[in-house]
């Protein structure tokens, strides 16, 4: 169970998202363009504030995008999201996030 910005996200929601991820061969395709931008900024070691500045968005917006990325990729940490994204990109296009 998570509490983020006053919204409660229960186990059922997470389970539903994980089920839909197994159907998709590329979970990165579930991410929005802005979520992709945030995920691409993550491997550079930027803080949330630095990502917000570079993407011209607020820090809470960065946190929201990161939370959505974690849910869609079925992970709990930024490093896990980066690893999954890099593995998928290497398998599909032989590119890196950076």
N, C-alpha and C. Protein backbone atom coordinates (compact mmCIF):
# COMPACT_ATOMS: atom_id res chain seq x y z
N UNK A 1 0.83 -1.18 0.00
CA UNK A 1 0.00 0.00 0.00
C UNK A 1 0.88 1.25 0.00
N UNK A 2 0.50 2.21 -0.77
CA UNK A 2 1.26 3.44 -0.89
C UNK A 2 0.36 4.63 -0.59
N UNK A 3 0.95 5.67 -0.08
CA UNK A 3 0.23 6.92 0.11
C UNK A 3 1.05 7.99 -0.58
N UNK A 4 0.49 8.58 -1.63
CA UNK A 4 1.21 9.58 -2.40
C UNK A 4 0.28 10.75 -2.67
N UNK A 5 0.65 11.90 -2.20
CA UNK A 5 -0.12 13.12 -2.42
C UNK A 5 -1.59 12.95 -2.05
N UNK A 6 -1.84 12.23 -0.97
CA UNK A 6 -3.21 12.08 -0.51
C UNK A 6 -4.01 11.02 -1.25
N UNK A 7 -3.40 10.29 -2.18
CA UNK A 7 -4.10 9.25 -2.92
C UNK A 7 -3.68 7.89 -2.39
N UNK A 8 -4.65 7.05 -2.19
CA UNK A 8 -4.38 5.70 -1.70
C UNK A 8 -4.36 4.75 -2.90
N UNK A 9 -3.29 4.01 -3.02
CA UNK A 9 -3.20 3.01 -4.08
C UNK A 9 -3.09 1.65 -3.42
N UNK A 10 -4.10 0.87 -3.55
CA UNK A 10 -4.14 -0.43 -2.88
C UNK A 10 -3.50 -1.54 -3.70
N UNK A 11 -3.44 -2.71 -3.11
CA UNK A 11 -2.81 -3.87 -3.72
C UNK A 11 -3.51 -4.26 -5.02
N UNK A 12 -4.81 -4.11 -5.09
CA UNK A 12 -5.55 -4.51 -6.29
C UNK A 12 -5.08 -3.73 -7.52
N UNK A 13 -4.85 -2.44 -7.37
CA UNK A 13 -4.40 -1.62 -8.49
C UNK A 13 -3.04 -2.11 -8.98
N UNK A 14 -2.12 -2.33 -8.04
CA UNK A 14 -0.78 -2.79 -8.42
C UNK A 14 -0.85 -4.16 -9.11
N UNK A 15 -1.69 -5.03 -8.61
CA UNK A 15 -1.82 -6.36 -9.19
C UNK A 15 -2.38 -6.27 -10.61
N UNK A 16 -3.34 -5.39 -10.82
CA UNK A 16 -3.93 -5.21 -12.14
C UNK A 16 -2.88 -4.70 -13.13
N UNK A 17 -2.08 -3.74 -12.72
CA UNK A 17 -1.06 -3.19 -13.60
C UNK A 17 -0.02 -4.24 -13.94
N UNK A 18 0.40 -5.03 -12.94
CA UNK A 18 1.40 -6.06 -13.19
C UNK A 18 0.86 -7.11 -14.15
N UNK A 19 -0.41 -7.44 -14.07
CA UNK A 19 -1.00 -8.41 -14.97
C UNK A 19 -0.96 -7.89 -16.40
N UNK A 20 -1.28 -6.62 -16.59
CA UNK A 20 -1.26 -6.07 -17.94
C UNK A 20 0.16 -5.96 -18.47
N UNK A 21 1.15 -5.82 -17.57
CA UNK A 21 2.53 -5.75 -18.02
C UNK A 21 2.98 -7.07 -18.61
N UNK A 22 2.50 -8.19 -18.08
CA UNK A 22 2.92 -9.48 -18.59
C UNK A 22 2.42 -9.70 -20.02
N UNK A 23 1.32 -9.04 -20.38
CA UNK A 23 0.79 -9.15 -21.72
C UNK A 23 1.66 -8.38 -22.70
N UNK A 24 2.17 -7.25 -22.29
CA UNK A 24 2.99 -6.41 -23.15
C UNK A 24 4.41 -6.94 -23.23
N UNK A 25 4.96 -7.01 -24.45
CA UNK A 25 6.34 -7.47 -24.60
C UNK A 25 7.33 -6.37 -24.26
N UNK A 26 6.88 -5.13 -24.29
CA UNK A 26 7.74 -4.00 -23.98
C UNK A 26 7.02 -3.06 -23.01
N UNK A 27 7.28 -3.21 -21.70
CA UNK A 27 6.59 -2.37 -20.72
C UNK A 27 6.90 -0.88 -20.89
N UNK A 28 7.99 -0.55 -21.57
CA UNK A 28 8.30 0.87 -21.79
C UNK A 28 7.26 1.52 -22.69
N UNK A 29 6.55 0.73 -23.48
CA UNK A 29 5.52 1.29 -24.36
C UNK A 29 4.32 1.79 -23.56
N UNK A 30 4.22 1.39 -22.29
CA UNK A 30 3.13 1.86 -21.43
C UNK A 30 3.39 3.26 -20.89
N UNK A 31 4.64 3.72 -20.96
CA UNK A 31 5.00 5.02 -20.39
C UNK A 31 4.59 6.15 -21.32
N UNK A 32 4.19 7.27 -20.70
CA UNK A 32 3.90 8.47 -21.48
C UNK A 32 5.21 9.09 -21.95
N UNK A 33 5.12 10.05 -22.85
CA UNK A 33 6.32 10.73 -23.33
C UNK A 33 7.08 11.41 -22.19
N UNK A 34 6.35 12.03 -21.29
CA UNK A 34 6.99 12.73 -20.17
C UNK A 34 7.61 11.74 -19.18
N UNK A 35 6.95 10.61 -18.96
CA UNK A 35 7.53 9.58 -18.11
C UNK A 35 8.82 9.04 -18.73
N UNK A 36 8.84 8.91 -20.05
CA UNK A 36 10.07 8.50 -20.74
C UNK A 36 11.17 9.53 -20.54
N UNK A 37 10.83 10.81 -20.60
CA UNK A 37 11.82 11.87 -20.38
C UNK A 37 12.42 11.77 -18.98
N UNK A 38 11.57 11.53 -17.98
CA UNK A 38 12.04 11.40 -16.60
C UNK A 38 12.92 10.16 -16.47
N UNK A 39 12.50 9.06 -17.08
CA UNK A 39 13.28 7.82 -17.00
C UNK A 39 14.64 7.99 -17.69
N UNK A 40 14.68 8.74 -18.77
CA UNK A 40 15.96 8.99 -19.46
C UNK A 40 16.88 9.87 -18.63
N UNK A 41 16.32 10.75 -17.80
CA UNK A 41 17.13 11.62 -16.95
C UNK A 41 17.66 10.88 -15.72
N UNK A 42 17.00 9.82 -15.32
CA UNK A 42 17.35 9.10 -14.10
C UNK A 42 18.77 8.53 -14.09
N UNK A 43 19.26 7.91 -15.17
CA UNK A 43 20.60 7.32 -15.11
C UNK A 43 21.73 8.34 -14.99
N UNK A 44 21.43 9.58 -15.23
CA UNK A 44 22.46 10.62 -15.12
C UNK A 44 22.77 10.99 -13.68
N UNK A 45 22.05 10.36 -12.74
CA UNK A 45 22.31 10.61 -11.32
C UNK A 45 21.77 11.92 -10.81
N UNK A 46 20.82 12.49 -11.52
CA UNK A 46 20.24 13.77 -11.12
C UNK A 46 19.27 13.58 -9.96
N UNK A 47 19.23 14.56 -9.09
CA UNK A 47 18.22 14.57 -8.02
C UNK A 47 16.87 14.91 -8.65
N UNK A 48 15.82 14.74 -7.87
CA UNK A 48 14.49 15.12 -8.38
C UNK A 48 14.44 16.59 -8.75
N UNK A 49 15.06 17.44 -7.95
CA UNK A 49 15.07 18.88 -8.24
C UNK A 49 15.84 19.18 -9.52
N UNK A 50 16.96 18.49 -9.72
CA UNK A 50 17.75 18.71 -10.94
C UNK A 50 17.00 18.21 -12.18
N UNK A 51 16.30 17.08 -12.03
CA UNK A 51 15.48 16.60 -13.14
C UNK A 51 14.37 17.59 -13.47
N UNK A 52 13.74 18.12 -12.42
CA UNK A 52 12.67 19.09 -12.62
C UNK A 52 13.18 20.32 -13.37
N UNK A 53 14.35 20.82 -12.97
CA UNK A 53 14.92 21.98 -13.65
C UNK A 53 15.23 21.69 -15.11
N UNK A 54 15.81 20.54 -15.38
CA UNK A 54 16.21 20.22 -16.75
C UNK A 54 15.00 19.94 -17.66
N UNK A 55 13.90 19.49 -17.07
CA UNK A 55 12.70 19.18 -17.86
C UNK A 55 11.64 20.28 -17.79
N UNK A 56 11.94 21.35 -17.04
CA UNK A 56 11.02 22.48 -16.89
C UNK A 56 9.68 22.07 -16.31
N UNK A 57 9.73 21.23 -15.27
CA UNK A 57 8.54 20.81 -14.55
C UNK A 57 8.83 20.95 -13.06
N UNK A 58 7.81 20.78 -12.23
CA UNK A 58 8.00 20.92 -10.78
C UNK A 58 8.51 19.60 -10.17
N UNK A 59 9.07 19.71 -8.98
CA UNK A 59 9.57 18.52 -8.27
C UNK A 59 8.42 17.54 -7.98
N UNK A 60 7.25 18.01 -7.50
CA UNK A 60 6.16 17.06 -7.31
C UNK A 60 5.74 16.34 -8.60
N UNK A 61 5.85 17.01 -9.73
CA UNK A 61 5.53 16.37 -11.01
C UNK A 61 6.54 15.28 -11.32
N UNK A 62 7.82 15.52 -11.04
CA UNK A 62 8.85 14.50 -11.23
C UNK A 62 8.52 13.30 -10.36
N UNK A 63 8.16 13.54 -9.10
CA UNK A 63 7.85 12.45 -8.18
C UNK A 63 6.64 11.66 -8.66
N UNK A 64 5.65 12.35 -9.20
CA UNK A 64 4.46 11.67 -9.73
C UNK A 64 4.84 10.80 -10.92
N UNK A 65 5.65 11.34 -11.83
CA UNK A 65 6.08 10.56 -12.99
C UNK A 65 6.89 9.34 -12.54
N UNK A 66 7.78 9.51 -11.58
CA UNK A 66 8.56 8.38 -11.08
C UNK A 66 7.65 7.32 -10.46
N UNK A 67 6.67 7.74 -9.67
CA UNK A 67 5.74 6.81 -9.06
C UNK A 67 4.99 6.02 -10.14
N UNK A 68 4.53 6.72 -11.19
CA UNK A 68 3.83 6.05 -12.29
C UNK A 68 4.74 5.07 -13.01
N UNK A 69 6.00 5.45 -13.21
CA UNK A 69 6.98 4.56 -13.85
C UNK A 69 7.16 3.30 -13.02
N UNK A 70 7.32 3.45 -11.70
CA UNK A 70 7.52 2.30 -10.83
C UNK A 70 6.33 1.34 -10.92
N UNK A 71 5.13 1.89 -10.91
CA UNK A 71 3.92 1.06 -10.99
C UNK A 71 3.87 0.33 -12.33
N UNK A 72 4.10 1.05 -13.41
CA UNK A 72 4.00 0.46 -14.75
C UNK A 72 5.08 -0.58 -15.01
N UNK A 73 6.26 -0.40 -14.42
CA UNK A 73 7.34 -1.37 -14.61
C UNK A 73 7.36 -2.43 -13.52
N UNK A 74 6.53 -2.26 -12.49
CA UNK A 74 6.45 -3.23 -11.41
C UNK A 74 7.68 -3.25 -10.52
N UNK A 75 8.25 -2.08 -10.24
CA UNK A 75 9.45 -1.98 -9.42
C UNK A 75 9.20 -1.07 -8.22
N UNK A 76 10.19 -1.03 -7.31
CA UNK A 76 10.07 -0.20 -6.12
C UNK A 76 11.11 0.92 -6.06
N UNK A 77 12.15 0.82 -6.87
CA UNK A 77 13.25 1.79 -6.79
C UNK A 77 13.64 2.31 -8.17
N UNK A 78 14.24 3.48 -8.16
CA UNK A 78 14.72 4.12 -9.38
C UNK A 78 15.74 3.24 -10.09
N UNK A 79 16.65 2.64 -9.35
CA UNK A 79 17.69 1.81 -9.97
C UNK A 79 17.08 0.59 -10.66
N UNK A 80 16.02 0.03 -10.08
CA UNK A 80 15.36 -1.10 -10.72
C UNK A 80 14.71 -0.68 -12.04
N UNK A 81 14.08 0.48 -12.05
CA UNK A 81 13.45 0.99 -13.27
C UNK A 81 14.50 1.21 -14.36
N UNK A 82 15.64 1.76 -13.98
CA UNK A 82 16.72 2.01 -14.94
C UNK A 82 17.23 0.69 -15.51
N UNK A 83 17.43 -0.30 -14.63
CA UNK A 83 17.93 -1.60 -15.09
C UNK A 83 16.95 -2.26 -16.07
N UNK A 84 15.67 -2.24 -15.76
CA UNK A 84 14.67 -2.83 -16.65
C UNK A 84 14.67 -2.12 -17.99
N UNK A 85 14.68 -0.79 -17.96
CA UNK A 85 14.67 -0.02 -19.20
C UNK A 85 15.90 -0.33 -20.05
N UNK A 86 17.07 -0.40 -19.43
CA UNK A 86 18.29 -0.69 -20.18
C UNK A 86 18.26 -2.09 -20.76
N UNK A 87 17.76 -3.08 -20.00
CA UNK A 87 17.67 -4.45 -20.50
C UNK A 87 16.74 -4.52 -21.71
N UNK A 88 15.62 -3.83 -21.64
CA UNK A 88 14.66 -3.85 -22.75
C UNK A 88 15.26 -3.18 -23.97
N UNK A 89 15.91 -2.04 -23.77
CA UNK A 89 16.50 -1.33 -24.90
C UNK A 89 17.63 -2.13 -25.54
N UNK A 90 18.42 -2.82 -24.75
CA UNK A 90 19.50 -3.63 -25.29
C UNK A 90 18.92 -4.79 -26.11
N UNK A 91 17.86 -5.41 -25.61
CA UNK A 91 17.23 -6.53 -26.32
C UNK A 91 16.57 -6.10 -27.62
N UNK A 92 15.94 -4.93 -27.60
CA UNK A 92 15.14 -4.52 -28.75
C UNK A 92 15.90 -3.66 -29.77
N UNK A 93 16.66 -2.70 -29.29
CA UNK A 93 17.28 -1.74 -30.22
C UNK A 93 18.78 -1.61 -30.07
N UNK A 94 19.32 -2.24 -29.03
CA UNK A 94 20.75 -2.14 -28.75
C UNK A 94 21.19 -0.70 -28.49
N UNK A 95 20.38 0.03 -27.71
CA UNK A 95 20.68 1.39 -27.30
C UNK A 95 20.77 1.46 -25.78
N UNK A 96 21.24 2.57 -25.27
CA UNK A 96 21.25 2.79 -23.83
C UNK A 96 20.37 3.98 -23.50
N UNK A 97 20.04 4.13 -22.23
CA UNK A 97 19.20 5.24 -21.79
C UNK A 97 19.93 6.57 -21.82
N UNK A 98 21.20 6.56 -21.60
CA UNK A 98 21.94 7.81 -21.45
C UNK A 98 22.14 8.50 -22.78
